Every structure is written in structure tokens, then in C-alpha cells.
Amino acid sequence: MHEREVRLAVPHGIVVIGDRDEDVPGPLGGAPMATSDAVVALATLHEVDGDLTIRLSDSAEKAPLAIRAFSGRLRLPSRRLTVCNTSDEVLLELAAPDGFAHVTVWANDARNPDEIVVAVT
């Protein structure tokens, strides 16, 4: 099992998970999430309210946090899954040699989480 973690303030309170070469869905318009077949945009704690902890794991641990915010297969033509901020800066990344991955995003709050886990299998 490989796991990486970062803790930082996230501009606009949004993280973008998936293939960074694909279009980001949105705008969120007050919704906690927007998705496409290659990208998930997820609302998180806004930078003015504090830091967000993001863990990226290649294991399917059981319910590491209370809320399953997203679960599905993402198309990853670049063969990389990235977690980026809205400035397209890569915060975490993981190889996806098959060109797709099953991704489950766990959060500790439904609307403004300050902790998320991105499990990739």
C-alpha cells in the first residue's frame, strides 16, 4: 500500500481529482461536487477557514472517513490521476497504467470537509 498526504490551504475551497488534461466540470454553483467521466471537482474547506488534509491511497481501506463523497470509474488518458487546486497545481499524483481507475473519495463533512481521502483501485 502506498499513501501520500498533504495539508494546505486550498484556494476557492475546491480540489480537482482525475486527469488534469481533461476539462474540469462545473461550476459547482453551491453543490458539493461536479463530475465528468474523467474529473471530479469537490468543494472543501475554503482557504480562509483553515487547512485541508488530503490523503491519496492505492488501497481500498474500509470507510476511512464518515462520508463517501464520490465513488466511480474515472477515465485517465494521461495514465496519471492527480489531485490539483483550481490553479492546476498538482498536490498529489498516482500512476494509472491502465488509463482508468476506480476512485472513492471519502470526506469528514458533506459540504466543507477539512479532511479527504482519495482511494484509487
PDB file of N, CA and C in Angstrom:
ATOM      1  N   MET A   1       0.849  -1.181   0.000  1.00  0.00           N
ATOM      2  CA  MET A   1       0.000   0.000   0.000  1.00  0.00           C
ATOM      3  C   MET A   1       0.891   1.240   0.000  1.00  0.00           C
ATOM      4  N   HIS A   2       0.528   2.169  -0.846  1.00  0.00           N
ATOM      5  CA  HIS A   2       1.210   3.453  -0.884  1.00  0.00           C
ATOM      6  C   HIS A   2       0.217   4.538  -0.504  1.00  0.00           C
ATOM      7  N   GLU A   3       0.684   5.458   0.320  1.00  0.00           N
ATOM      8  CA  GLU A   3      -0.181   6.557   0.723  1.00  0.00           C
ATOM      9  C   GLU A   3       0.655   7.819   0.836  1.00  0.00           C
ATOM     10  N   ARG A   4       0.103   8.904   0.318  1.00  0.00           N
ATOM     11  CA  ARG A   4       0.756  10.202   0.427  1.00  0.00           C
ATOM     12  C   ARG A   4      -0.238  11.168   1.036  1.00  0.00           C
ATOM     13  N   GLU A   5       0.286  12.174   1.724  1.00  0.00           N
ATOM     14  CA  GLU A   5      -0.594  13.130   2.400  1.00  0.00           C
ATOM     15  C   GLU A   5      -0.022  14.535   2.294  1.00  0.00           C
ATOM     16  N   VAL A   6      -0.912  15.504   2.113  1.00  0.00           N
ATOM     17  CA  VAL A   6      -0.544  16.921   2.186  1.00  0.00           C
ATOM     18  C   VAL A   6      -1.572  17.633   3.052  1.00  0.00           C
ATOM     19  N   ARG A   7      -1.139  18.722   3.670  1.00  0.00           N
ATOM     20  CA  ARG A   7      -2.049  19.580   4.436  1.00  0.00           C
ATOM     21  C   ARG A   7      -1.746  21.002   4.021  1.00  0.00           C
ATOM     22  N   LEU A   8      -2.761  21.700   3.503  1.00  0.00           N
ATOM     23  CA  LEU A   8      -2.559  23.041   2.996  1.00  0.00           C
ATOM     24  C   LEU A   8      -3.879  23.775   2.857  1.00  0.00           C
ATOM     25  N   ALA A   9      -3.782  25.080   2.706  1.00  0.00           N
ATOM     26  CA  ALA A   9      -4.958  25.902   2.418  1.00  0.00           C
ATOM     27  C   ALA A   9      -5.278  25.759   0.932  1.00  0.00           C
ATOM     28  N   VAL A  10      -6.544  25.557   0.612  1.00  0.00           N
ATOM     29  CA  VAL A  10      -6.950  25.312  -0.775  1.00  0.00           C
ATOM     30  C   VAL A  10      -7.691  26.537  -1.318  1.00  0.00           C
ATOM     31  N   PRO A  11      -7.104  27.211  -2.325  1.00  0.00           N
ATOM     32  CA  PRO A  11      -7.773  28.369  -2.916  1.00  0.00           C
ATOM     33  C   PRO A  11      -9.173  28.012  -3.414  1.00  0.00           C
ATOM     34  N   HIS A  12     -10.112  28.869  -3.164  1.00  0.00           N
ATOM     35  CA  HIS A  12     -11.511  28.728  -3.586  1.00  0.00           C
ATOM     36  C   HIS A  12     -12.231  27.551  -2.929  1.00  0.00           C
ATOM     37  N   GLY A  13     -11.549  26.790  -2.070  1.00  0.00           N
ATOM     38  CA  GLY A  13     -12.183  25.653  -1.410  1.00  0.00           C
ATOM     39  C   GLY A  13     -12.612  24.572  -2.371  1.00  0.00           C
ATOM     40  N   ILE A  14     -11.815  24.330  -3.419  1.00  0.00           N
ATOM     41  CA  ILE A  14     -12.142  23.303  -4.413  1.00  0.00           C
ATOM     42  C   ILE A  14     -10.878  22.527  -4.764  1.00  0.00           C
ATOM     43  N   VAL A  15     -10.981  21.192  -4.776  1.00  0.00           N
ATOM     44  CA  VAL A  15      -9.917  20.350  -5.310  1.00  0.00           C
ATOM     45  C   VAL A  15     -10.454  19.630  -6.544  1.00  0.00           C
ATOM     46  N   VAL A  16      -9.533  19.363  -7.462  1.00  0.00           N
ATOM     47  CA  VAL A  16      -9.874  18.728  -8.732  1.00  0.00           C
ATOM     48  C   VAL A  16      -9.123  17.401  -8.792  1.00  0.00           C
ATOM     49  N   ILE A  17      -9.882  16.307  -8.909  1.00  0.00           N
ATOM     50  CA  ILE A  17      -9.336  14.951  -8.840  1.00  0.00           C
ATOM     51  C   ILE A  17      -9.579  14.265 -10.178  1.00  0.00           C
ATOM     52  N   GLY A  18      -8.525  13.705 -10.775  1.00  0.00           N
ATOM     53  CA  GLY A  18      -8.696  12.969 -12.025  1.00  0.00           C
ATOM     54  C   GLY A  18      -7.571  13.252 -12.995  1.00  0.00           C
ATOM     55  N   ASP A  19      -7.917  13.307 -14.276  1.00  0.00           N
ATOM     56  CA  ASP A  19      -6.934  13.551 -15.331  1.00  0.00           C
ATOM     57  C   ASP A  19      -6.839  15.050 -15.580  1.00  0.00           C
ATOM     58  N   ARG A  20      -5.710  15.645 -15.250  1.00  0.00           N
ATOM     59  CA  ARG A  20      -5.588  17.108 -15.335  1.00  0.00           C
ATOM     60  C   ARG A  20      -5.586  17.623 -16.770  1.00  0.00           C
ATOM     61  N   ASP A  21      -5.437  16.719 -17.765  1.00  0.00           N
ATOM     62  CA  ASP A  21      -5.508  17.146 -19.162  1.00  0.00           C
ATOM     63  C   ASP A  21      -6.941  17.235 -19.680  1.00  0.00           C
ATOM     64  N   GLU A  22      -7.894  16.800 -18.878  1.00  0.00           N
ATOM     65  CA  GLU A  22      -9.303  16.822 -19.270  1.00  0.00           C
ATOM     66  C   GLU A  22      -9.993  18.055 -18.683  1.00  0.00           C
ATOM     67  N   ASP A  23     -11.133  18.430 -19.273  1.00  0.00           N
ATOM     68  CA  ASP A  23     -11.873  19.605 -18.805  1.00  0.00           C
ATOM     69  C   ASP A  23     -12.441  19.380 -17.411  1.00  0.00           C
ATOM     70  N   VAL A  24     -12.380  20.433 -16.605  1.00  0.00           N
ATOM     71  CA  VAL A  24     -12.937  20.389 -15.250  1.00  0.00           C
ATOM     72  C   VAL A  24     -14.429  20.663 -15.328  1.00  0.00           C
ATOM     73  N   PRO A  25     -15.255  19.812 -14.727  1.00  0.00           N
ATOM     74  CA  PRO A  25     -16.698  20.063 -14.725  1.00  0.00           C
ATOM     75  C   PRO A  25     -17.032  21.236 -13.813  1.00  0.00           C
ATOM     76  N   GLY A  26     -18.137  21.856 -14.074  1.00  0.00           N
ATOM     77  CA  GLY A  26     -18.527  22.960 -13.190  1.00  0.00           C
ATOM     78  C   GLY A  26     -19.267  24.020 -13.967  1.00  0.00           C
ATOM     79  N   PRO A  27     -19.587  25.118 -13.369  1.00  0.00           N
ATOM     80  CA  PRO A  27     -19.248  25.470 -11.991  1.00  0.00           C
ATOM     81  C   PRO A  27     -20.072  24.668 -10.989  1.00  0.00           C
ATOM     82  N   LEU A  28     -19.601  24.665  -9.745  1.00  0.00           N
ATOM     83  CA  LEU A  28     -20.306  23.909  -8.713  1.00  0.00           C
ATOM     84  C   LEU A  28     -21.646  24.546  -8.375  1.00  0.00           C
ATOM     85  N   GLY A  29     -21.730  25.863  -8.431  1.00  0.00           N
ATOM     86  CA  GLY A  29     -22.999  26.548  -8.179  1.00  0.00           C
ATOM     87  C   GLY A  29     -23.606  26.211  -6.830  1.00  0.00           C
ATOM     88  N   GLY A  30     -22.772  26.080  -5.806  1.00  0.00           N
ATOM     89  CA  GLY A  30     -23.275  25.767  -4.472  1.00  0.00           C
ATOM     90  C   GLY A  30     -23.370  24.285  -4.176  1.00  0.00           C
ATOM     91  N   ALA A  31     -23.248  23.441  -5.195  1.00  0.00           N
ATOM     92  CA  ALA A  31     -23.274  21.989  -4.979  1.00  0.00           C
ATOM     93  C   ALA A  31     -21.934  21.549  -4.396  1.00  0.00           C
ATOM     94  N   PRO A  32     -21.908  20.435  -3.657  1.00  0.00           N
ATOM     95  CA  PRO A  32     -20.650  19.982  -3.074  1.00  0.00           C
ATOM     96  C   PRO A  32     -19.693  19.344  -4.084  1.00  0.00           C
ATOM     97  N   MET A  33     -20.200  19.025  -5.300  1.00  0.00           N
ATOM     98  CA  MET A  33     -19.367  18.305  -6.245  1.00  0.00           C
ATOM     99  C   MET A  33     -19.922  18.431  -7.656  1.00  0.00           C
ATOM    100  N   ALA A  34     -19.014  18.371  -8.642  1.00  0.00           N
ATOM    101  CA  ALA A  34     -19.385  18.246 -10.052  1.00  0.00           C
ATOM    102  C   ALA A  34     -18.482  17.173 -10.638  1.00  0.00           C
ATOM    103  N   THR A  35     -19.021  16.344 -11.543  1.00  0.00           N
ATOM    104  CA  THR A  35     -18.229  15.244 -12.091  1.00  0.00           C
ATOM    105  C   THR A  35     -18.371  15.151 -13.603  1.00  0.00           C
ATOM    106  N   SER A  36     -17.355  14.563 -14.212  1.00  0.00           N
ATOM    107  CA  SER A  36     -17.407  14.133 -15.603  1.00  0.00           C
ATOM    108  C   SER A  36     -16.884  12.703 -15.613  1.00  0.00           C
ATOM    109  N   ASP A  37     -16.649  12.140 -16.792  1.00  0.00           N
ATOM    110  CA  ASP A  37     -16.126  10.770 -16.824  1.00  0.00           C
ATOM    111  C   ASP A  37     -14.629  10.708 -16.530  1.00  0.00           C
ATOM    112  N   ALA A  38     -13.971  11.895 -16.380  1.00  0.00           N
ATOM    113  CA  ALA A  38     -12.531  11.917 -16.150  1.00  0.00           C
ATOM    114  C   ALA A  38     -12.102  12.766 -14.955  1.00  0.00           C
ATOM    115  N   VAL A  39     -13.023  13.575 -14.420  1.00  0.00           N
ATOM    116  CA  VAL A  39     -12.641  14.537 -13.382  1.00  0.00           C
ATOM    117  C   VAL A  39     -13.763  14.707 -12.360  1.00  0.00           C
ATOM    118  N   VAL A  40     -13.358  14.869 -11.095  1.00  0.00           N
ATOM    119  CA  VAL A  40     -14.271  15.210 -10.012  1.00  0.00           C
ATOM    120  C   VAL A  40     -13.792  16.532  -9.418  1.00  0.00           C
ATOM    121  N   ALA A  41     -14.669  17.521  -9.366  1.00  0.00           N
ATOM    122  CA  ALA A  41     -14.378  18.778  -8.669  1.00  0.00           C
ATOM    123  C   ALA A  41     -15.156  18.727  -7.365  1.00  0.00           C
ATOM    124  N   LEU A  42     -14.441  18.876  -6.243  1.00  0.00           N
ATOM    125  CA  LEU A  42     -15.041  18.687  -4.934  1.00  0.00           C
ATOM    126  C   LEU A  42     -14.858  19.935  -4.079  1.00  0.00           C
ATOM    127  N   ALA A  43     -15.966  20.419  -3.502  1.00  0.00           N
ATOM    128  CA  ALA A  43     -15.903  21.547  -2.573  1.00  0.00           C
ATOM    129  C   ALA A  43     -15.298  21.073  -1.263  1.00  0.00           C
ATOM    130  N   THR A  44     -14.394  21.893  -0.716  1.00  0.00           N
ATOM    131  CA  THR A  44     -13.731  21.577   0.544  1.00  0.00           C
ATOM    132  C   THR A  44     -13.732  22.827   1.423  1.00  0.00           C
ATOM    133  N   LEU A  45     -13.048  22.738   2.534  1.00  0.00           N
ATOM    134  CA  LEU A  45     -12.891  23.887   3.398  1.00  0.00           C
ATOM    135  C   LEU A  45     -12.168  24.997   2.632  1.00  0.00           C
ATOM    136  N   HIS A  46     -12.711  26.201   2.684  1.00  0.00           N
ATOM    137  CA  HIS A  46     -12.113  27.334   1.974  1.00  0.00           C
ATOM    138  C   HIS A  46     -10.824  27.752   2.653  1.00  0.00           C
ATOM    139  N   GLU A  47      -9.897  28.262   1.876  1.00  0.00           N
ATOM    140  CA  GLU A  47      -8.581  28.634   2.403  1.00  0.00           C
ATOM    141  C   GLU A  47      -8.645  29.621   3.564  1.00  0.00           C
ATOM    142  N   VAL A  48      -9.643  30.498   3.588  1.00  0.00           N
ATOM    143  CA  VAL A  48      -9.731  31.472   4.688  1.00  0.00           C
ATOM    144  C   VAL A  48     -10.190  30.821   5.997  1.00  0.00           C
ATOM    145  N   ASP A  49     -10.750  29.603   5.901  1.00  0.00           N
ATOM    146  CA  ASP A  49     -11.258  28.910   7.087  1.00  0.00           C
ATOM    147  C   ASP A  49     -10.284  27.891   7.669  1.00  0.00           C
ATOM    148  N   GLY A  50      -9.173  27.652   6.979  1.00  0.00           N
ATOM    149  CA  GLY A  50      -8.187  26.715   7.510  1.00  0.00           C
ATOM    150  C   GLY A  50      -7.602  25.810   6.451  1.00  0.00           C
ATOM    151  N   ASP A  51      -6.846  24.831   6.910  1.00  0.00           N
ATOM    152  CA  ASP A  51      -6.153  23.903   6.016  1.00  0.00           C
ATOM    153  C   ASP A  51      -6.976  22.648   5.760  1.00  0.00           C
ATOM    154  N   LEU A  52      -6.694  22.039   4.618  1.00  0.00           N
ATOM    155  CA  LEU A  52      -7.307  20.783   4.215  1.00  0.00           C
ATOM    156  C   LEU A  52      -6.226  19.706   4.220  1.00  0.00           C
ATOM    157  N   THR A  53      -6.538  18.556   4.800  1.00  0.00           N
ATOM    158  CA  THR A  53      -5.654  17.396   4.717  1.00  0.00           C
ATOM    159  C   THR A  53      -6.187  16.495   3.620  1.00  0.00           C
ATOM    160  N   ILE A  54      -5.304  16.136   2.684  1.00  0.00           N
ATOM    161  CA  ILE A  54      -5.663  15.246   1.573  1.00  0.00           C
ATOM    162  C   ILE A  54      -4.754  14.037   1.643  1.00  0.00           C
ATOM    163  N   ARG A  55      -5.353  12.852   1.660  1.00  0.00           N
ATOM    164  CA  ARG A  55      -4.584  11.614   1.588  1.00  0.00           C
ATOM    165  C   ARG A  55      -4.929  10.921   0.285  1.00  0.00           C
ATOM    166  N   LEU A  56      -3.916  10.481  -0.432  1.00  0.00           N
ATOM    167  CA  LEU A  56      -4.080   9.718  -1.668  1.00  0.00           C
ATOM    168  C   LEU A  56      -3.530   8.327  -1.417  1.00  0.00           C
ATOM    169  N   SER A  57      -4.375   7.317  -1.619  1.00  0.00           N
ATOM    170  CA  SER A  57      -4.010   5.944  -1.277  1.00  0.00           C
ATOM    171  C   SER A  57      -4.339   5.014  -2.435  1.00  0.00           C
ATOM    172  N   ASP A  58      -3.515   3.986  -2.609  1.00  0.00           N
ATOM    173  CA  ASP A  58      -3.819   2.985  -3.642  1.00  0.00           C
ATOM    174  C   ASP A  58      -4.416   1.727  -3.025  1.00  0.00           C
ATOM    175  N   SER A  59      -5.080   1.900  -1.894  1.00  0.00           N
ATOM    176  CA  SER A  59      -5.777   0.771  -1.286  1.00  0.00           C
ATOM    177  C   SER A  59      -7.233   1.152  -1.030  1.00  0.00           C
ATOM    178  N   ALA A  60      -8.060   0.143  -0.922  1.00  0.00           N
ATOM    179  CA  ALA A  60      -9.485   0.371  -0.714  1.00  0.00           C
ATOM    180  C   ALA A  60      -9.833   0.158   0.752  1.00  0.00           C
ATOM    181  N   GLU A  61      -9.157   0.898   1.633  1.00  0.00           N
ATOM    182  CA  GLU A  61      -9.454   0.737   3.057  1.00  0.00           C
ATOM    183  C   GLU A  61     -10.928   1.015   3.308  1.00  0.00           C
ATOM    184  N   LYS A  62     -11.493   0.356   4.286  1.00  0.00           N
ATOM    185  CA  LYS A  62     -12.922   0.490   4.560  1.00  0.00           C
ATOM    186  C   LYS A  62     -13.227   1.790   5.296  1.00  0.00           C
ATOM    187  N   ALA A  63     -14.053   2.597   4.696  1.00  0.00           N
ATOM    188  CA  ALA A  63     -14.591   3.817   5.302  1.00  0.00           C
ATOM    189  C   ALA A  63     -13.614   4.557   6.217  1.00  0.00           C
ATOM    190  N   PRO A  64     -12.541   5.136   5.636  1.00  0.00           N
ATOM    191  CA  PRO A  64     -11.592   5.854   6.475  1.00  0.00           C
ATOM    192  C   PRO A  64     -12.165   7.138   7.074  1.00  0.00           C
ATOM    193  N   LEU A  65     -13.207   7.672   6.449  1.00  0.00           N
ATOM    194  CA  LEU A  65     -13.913   8.847   6.971  1.00  0.00           C
ATOM    195  C   LEU A  65     -15.413   8.598   6.857  1.00  0.00           C
ATOM    196  N   ALA A  66     -16.211   9.453   7.472  1.00  0.00           N
ATOM    197  CA  ALA A  66     -17.643   9.197   7.638  1.00  0.00           C
ATOM    198  C   ALA A  66     -18.458   9.241   6.346  1.00  0.00           C
ATOM    199  N   ILE A  67     -18.078  10.077   5.384  1.00  0.00           N
ATOM    200  CA  ILE A  67     -18.934  10.334   4.223  1.00  0.00           C
ATOM    201  C   ILE A  67     -18.250   9.887   2.936  1.00  0.00           C
ATOM    202  N   ARG A  68     -18.945   9.066   2.157  1.00  0.00           N
ATOM    203  CA  ARG A  68     -18.439   8.712   0.825  1.00  0.00           C
ATOM    204  C   ARG A  68     -18.964   9.766  -0.139  1.00  0.00           C
ATOM    205  N   ALA A  69     -18.093  10.678  -0.534  1.00  0.00           N
ATOM    206  CA  ALA A  69     -18.482  11.808  -1.377  1.00  0.00           C
ATOM    207  C   ALA A  69     -18.601  11.420  -2.847  1.00  0.00           C
ATOM    208  N   PHE A  70     -17.803  10.441  -3.282  1.00  0.00           N
ATOM    209  CA  PHE A  70     -17.823  10.008  -4.681  1.00  0.00           C
ATOM    210  C   PHE A  70     -17.284   8.598  -4.757  1.00  0.00           C
ATOM    211  N   SER A  71     -17.857   7.820  -5.657  1.00  0.00           N
ATOM    212  CA  SER A  71     -17.319   6.502  -5.971  1.00  0.00           C
ATOM    213  C   SER A  71     -17.650   6.203  -7.425  1.00  0.00           C
ATOM    214  N   GLY A  72     -16.618   5.936  -8.220  1.00  0.00           N
ATOM    215  CA  GLY A  72     -16.858   5.636  -9.624  1.00  0.00           C
ATOM    216  C   GLY A  72     -15.566   5.437 -10.380  1.00  0.00           C
ATOM    217  N   ARG A  73     -15.720   5.071 -11.632  1.00  0.00           N
ATOM    218  CA  ARG A  73     -14.570   4.846 -12.506  1.00  0.00           C
ATOM    219  C   ARG A  73     -14.271   6.136 -13.253  1.00  0.00           C
ATOM    220  N   LEU A  74     -13.007   6.556 -13.220  1.00  0.00           N
ATOM    221  CA  LEU A  74     -12.579   7.740 -13.960  1.00  0.00           C
ATOM    222  C   LEU A  74     -11.693   7.320 -15.131  1.00  0.00           C
ATOM    223  N   ARG A  75     -11.960   7.915 -16.271  1.00  0.00           N
ATOM    224  CA  ARG A  75     -11.138   7.720 -17.466  1.00  0.00           C
ATOM    225  C   ARG A  75      -9.907   8.605 -17.316  1.00  0.00           C
ATOM    226  N   LEU A  76      -8.719   8.021 -17.498  1.00  0.00           N
ATOM    227  CA  LEU A  76      -7.463   8.750 -17.282  1.00  0.00           C
ATOM    228  C   LEU A  76      -6.538   8.559 -18.483  1.00  0.00           C
ATOM    229  N   PRO A  77      -6.815   9.252 -19.597  1.00  0.00           N
ATOM    230  CA  PRO A  77      -6.000   9.068 -20.808  1.00  0.00           C
ATOM    231  C   PRO A  77      -4.511   9.381 -20.607  1.00  0.00           C
ATOM    232  N   SER A  78      -4.191  10.272 -19.676  1.00  0.00           N
ATOM    233  CA  SER A  78      -2.784  10.605 -19.422  1.00  0.00           C
ATOM    234  C   SER A  78      -2.076   9.532 -18.598  1.00  0.00           C
ATOM    235  N   ARG A  79      -2.865   8.563 -18.113  1.00  0.00           N
ATOM    236  CA  ARG A  79      -2.365   7.478 -17.264  1.00  0.00           C
ATOM    237  C   ARG A  79      -1.813   7.984 -15.935  1.00  0.00           C
ATOM    238  N   ARG A  80      -2.314   9.131 -15.478  1.00  0.00           N
ATOM    239  CA  ARG A  80      -1.969   9.712 -14.180  1.00  0.00           C
ATOM    240  C   ARG A  80      -3.247  10.218 -13.541  1.00  0.00           C
ATOM    241  N   LEU A  81      -3.423   9.930 -12.265  1.00  0.00           N
ATOM    242  CA  LEU A  81      -4.506  10.533 -11.504  1.00  0.00           C
ATOM    243  C   LEU A  81      -3.860  11.615 -10.642  1.00  0.00           C
ATOM    244  N   THR A  82      -4.384  12.826 -10.751  1.00  0.00           N
ATOM    245  CA  THR A  82      -3.830  13.929  -9.974  1.00  0.00           C
ATOM    246  C   THR A  82      -4.899  14.526  -9.071  1.00  0.00           C
ATOM    247  N   VAL A  83      -4.427  15.115  -7.984  1.00  0.00           N
ATOM    248  CA  VAL A  83      -5.256  15.957  -7.123  1.00  0.00           C
ATOM    249  C   VAL A  83      -4.644  17.342  -7.252  1.00  0.00           C
ATOM    250  N   CYS A  84      -5.425  18.290  -7.786  1.00  0.00           N
ATOM    251  CA  CYS A  84      -4.927  19.630  -8.068  1.00  0.00           C
ATOM    252  C   CYS A  84      -5.794  20.673  -7.366  1.00  0.00           C
ATOM    253  N   ASN A  85      -5.248  21.883  -7.254  1.00  0.00           N
ATOM    254  CA  ASN A  85      -6.072  23.007  -6.822  1.00  0.00           C
ATOM    255  C   ASN A  85      -6.642  23.683  -8.066  1.00  0.00           C
ATOM    256  N   THR A  86      -7.375  24.761  -7.884  1.00  0.00           N
ATOM    257  CA  THR A  86      -8.016  25.419  -9.021  1.00  0.00           C
ATOM    258  C   THR A  86      -7.023  26.173  -9.904  1.00  0.00           C
ATOM    259  N   SER A  87      -5.777  26.292  -9.462  1.00  0.00           N
ATOM    260  CA  SER A  87      -4.724  26.880 -10.297  1.00  0.00           C
ATOM    261  C   SER A  87      -3.983  25.806 -11.089  1.00  0.00           C
ATOM    262  N   ASP A  88      -4.492  24.575 -11.068  1.00  0.00           N
ATOM    263  CA  ASP A  88      -3.927  23.428 -11.769  1.00  0.00           C
ATOM    264  C   ASP A  88      -2.560  23.026 -11.239  1.00  0.00           C
ATOM    265  N   GLU A  89      -2.278  23.358  -9.990  1.00  0.00           N
ATOM    266  CA  GLU A  89      -1.048  22.904  -9.346  1.00  0.00           C
ATOM    267  C   GLU A  89      -1.280  21.508  -8.802  1.00  0.00           C
ATOM    268  N   VAL A  90      -0.383  20.586  -9.124  1.00  0.00           N
ATOM    269  CA  VAL A  90      -0.519  19.210  -8.661  1.00  0.00           C
ATOM    270  C   VAL A  90      -0.124  19.132  -7.194  1.00  0.00           C
ATOM    271  N   LEU A  91      -1.058  18.662  -6.374  1.00  0.00           N
ATOM    272  CA  LEU A  91      -0.823  18.492  -4.948  1.00  0.00           C
ATOM    273  C   LEU A  91      -0.372  17.069  -4.641  1.00  0.00           C
ATOM    274  N   LEU A  92      -0.985  16.105  -5.319  1.00  0.00           N
ATOM    275  CA  LEU A  92      -0.647  14.685  -5.188  1.00  0.00           C
ATOM    276  C   LEU A  92      -0.909  14.022  -6.530  1.00  0.00           C
ATOM    277  N   GLU A  93      -0.196  12.933  -6.815  1.00  0.00           N
ATOM    278  CA  GLU A  93      -0.479  12.186  -8.040  1.00  0.00           C
ATOM    279  C   GLU A  93      -0.097  10.731  -7.895  1.00  0.00           C
ATOM    280  N   LEU A  94      -0.711   9.922  -8.766  1.00  0.00           N
ATOM    281  CA  LEU A  94      -0.530   8.478  -8.720  1.00  0.00           C
ATOM    282  C   LEU A  94      -0.610   7.956 -10.148  1.00  0.00           C
ATOM    283  N   ALA A  95       0.254   7.016 -10.493  1.00  0.00           N
ATOM    284  CA  ALA A  95       0.215   6.409 -11.822  1.00  0.00           C
ATOM    285  C   ALA A  95      -1.050   5.568 -11.981  1.00  0.00           C
ATOM    286  N   ALA A  96      -1.591   5.590 -13.203  1.00  0.00           N
ATOM    287  CA  ALA A  96      -2.762   4.773 -13.550  1.00  0.00           C
ATOM    288  C   ALA A  96      -2.472   4.106 -14.890  1.00  0.00           C
ATOM    289  N   PRO A  97      -1.628   3.058 -14.885  1.00  0.00           N
ATOM    290  CA  PRO A  97      -1.146   2.476 -16.134  1.00  0.00           C
ATOM    291  C   PRO A  97      -2.230   1.925 -17.054  1.00  0.00           C
ATOM    292  N   ASP A  98      -3.410   1.614 -16.520  1.00  0.00           N
ATOM    293  CA  ASP A  98      -4.485   1.070 -17.352  1.00  0.00           C
ATOM    294  C   ASP A  98      -5.283   2.147 -18.072  1.00  0.00           C
ATOM    295  N   GLY A  99      -5.054   3.424 -17.740  1.00  0.00           N
ATOM    296  CA  GLY A  99      -5.799   4.500 -18.387  1.00  0.00           C
ATOM    297  C   GLY A  99      -7.159   4.751 -17.753  1.00  0.00           C
ATOM    298  N   PHE A 100      -7.417   4.124 -16.630  1.00  0.00           N
ATOM    299  CA  PHE A 100      -8.636   4.364 -15.863  1.00  0.00           C
ATOM    300  C   PHE A 100      -8.368   3.901 -14.435  1.00  0.00           C
ATOM    301  N   ALA A 101      -9.229   4.306 -13.529  1.00  0.00           N
ATOM    302  CA  ALA A 101      -9.113   3.850 -12.142  1.00  0.00           C
ATOM    303  C   ALA A 101     -10.468   3.966 -11.471  1.00  0.00           C
ATOM    304  N   HIS A 102     -10.704   3.073 -10.536  1.00  0.00           N
ATOM    305  CA  HIS A 102     -11.879   3.211  -9.685  1.00  0.00           C
ATOM    306  C   HIS A 102     -11.457   4.093  -8.517  1.00  0.00           C
ATOM    307  N   VAL A 103     -12.201   5.184  -8.311  1.00  0.00           N
ATOM    308  CA  VAL A 103     -11.842   6.179  -7.307  1.00  0.00           C
ATOM    309  C   VAL A 103     -12.982   6.321  -6.312  1.00  0.00           C
ATOM    310  N   THR A 104     -12.640   6.276  -5.041  1.00  0.00           N
ATOM    311  CA  THR A 104     -13.593   6.573  -3.983  1.00  0.00           C
ATOM    312  C   THR A 104     -13.025   7.731  -3.175  1.00  0.00           C
ATOM    313  N   VAL A 105     -13.842   8.769  -3.004  1.00  0.00           N
ATOM    314  CA  VAL A 105     -13.431   9.928  -2.226  1.00  0.00           C
ATOM    315  C   VAL A 105     -14.236   9.945  -0.941  1.00  0.00           C
ATOM    316  N   TRP A 106     -13.523   9.923   0.175  1.00  0.00           N
ATOM    317  CA  TRP A 106     -14.124   9.976   1.500  1.00  0.00           C
ATOM    318  C   TRP A 106     -13.893  11.358   2.085  1.00  0.00           C
ATOM    319  N   ALA A 107     -14.846  11.857   2.849  1.00  0.00           N
ATOM    320  CA  ALA A 107     -14.731  13.186   3.456  1.00  0.00           C
ATOM    321  C   ALA A 107     -15.242  13.148   4.888  1.00  0.00           C
ATOM    322  N   ASN A 108     -14.781  14.093   5.691  1.00  0.00           N
ATOM    323  CA  ASN A 108     -15.249  14.143   7.079  1.00  0.00           C
ATOM    324  C   ASN A 108     -16.414  15.114   7.262  1.00  0.00           C
ATOM    325  N   ASP A 109     -16.858  15.757   6.175  1.00  0.00           N
ATOM    326  CA  ASP A 109     -18.013  16.653   6.222  1.00  0.00           C
ATOM    327  C   ASP A 109     -18.625  16.692   4.824  1.00  0.00           C
ATOM    328  N   ALA A 110     -19.940  16.774   4.745  1.00  0.00           N
ATOM    329  CA  ALA A 110     -20.615  16.723   3.448  1.00  0.00           C
ATOM    330  C   ALA A 110     -20.426  17.986   2.604  1.00  0.00           C
ATOM    331  N   ARG A 111     -20.256  19.152   3.227  1.00  0.00           N
ATOM    332  CA  ARG A 111     -20.183  20.392   2.459  1.00  0.00           C
ATOM    333  C   ARG A 111     -18.827  21.086   2.501  1.00  0.00           C
ATOM    334  N   ASN A 112     -18.153  21.051   3.641  1.00  0.00           N
ATOM    335  CA  ASN A 112     -16.876  21.756   3.791  1.00  0.00           C
ATOM    336  C   ASN A 112     -15.862  20.904   4.539  1.00  0.00           C
ATOM    337  N   PRO A 113     -15.468  19.776   3.964  1.00  0.00           N
ATOM    338  CA  PRO A 113     -14.537  18.911   4.692  1.00  0.00           C
ATOM    339  C   PRO A 113     -13.166  19.554   4.851  1.00  0.00           C
ATOM    340  N   ASP A 114     -12.531  19.269   5.990  1.00  0.00           N
ATOM    341  CA  ASP A 114     -11.139  19.675   6.160  1.00  0.00           C
ATOM    342  C   ASP A 114     -10.212  18.464   6.087  1.00  0.00           C
ATOM    343  N   GLU A 115     -10.813  17.320   5.743  1.00  0.00           N
ATOM    344  CA  GLU A 115     -10.030  16.113   5.511  1.00  0.00           C
ATOM    345  C   GLU A 115     -10.733  15.265   4.461  1.00  0.00           C
ATOM    346  N   ILE A 116      -9.954  14.824   3.446  1.00  0.00           N
ATOM    347  CA  ILE A 116     -10.487  13.910   2.449  1.00  0.00           C
ATOM    348  C   ILE A 116      -9.467  12.805   2.196  1.00  0.00           C
ATOM    349  N   VAL A 117      -9.981  11.649   1.816  1.00  0.00           N
ATOM    350  CA  VAL A 117      -9.147  10.524   1.404  1.00  0.00           C
ATOM    351  C   VAL A 117      -9.576  10.142   0.002  1.00  0.00           C
ATOM    352  N   VAL A 118      -8.612  10.067  -0.906  1.00  0.00           N
ATOM    353  CA  VAL A 118      -8.858   9.622  -2.279  1.00  0.00           C
ATOM    354  C   VAL A 118      -8.249   8.241  -2.402  1.00  0.00           C
ATOM    355  N   ALA A 119      -9.111   7.224  -2.470  1.00  0.00           N
ATOM    356  CA  ALA A 119      -8.669   5.825  -2.577  1.00  0.00           C
ATOM    357  C   ALA A 119      -8.792   5.397  -4.027  1.00  0.00           C
ATOM    358  N   VAL A 120      -7.692   4.928  -4.592  1.00  0.00           N
ATOM    359  CA  VAL A 120      -7.622   4.554  -6.013  1.00  0.00           C
ATOM    360  C   VAL A 120      -7.337   3.071  -6.118  1.00  0.00           C
ATOM    361  N   THR A 121      -8.213   2.356  -6.834  1.00  0.00           N
ATOM    362  CA  THR A 121      -8.011   0.917  -7.042  1.00  0.00           C
ATOM    363  C   THR A 121      -8.183   0.554  -8.492  1.00  0.00           C
TER     364      THR A 121
END
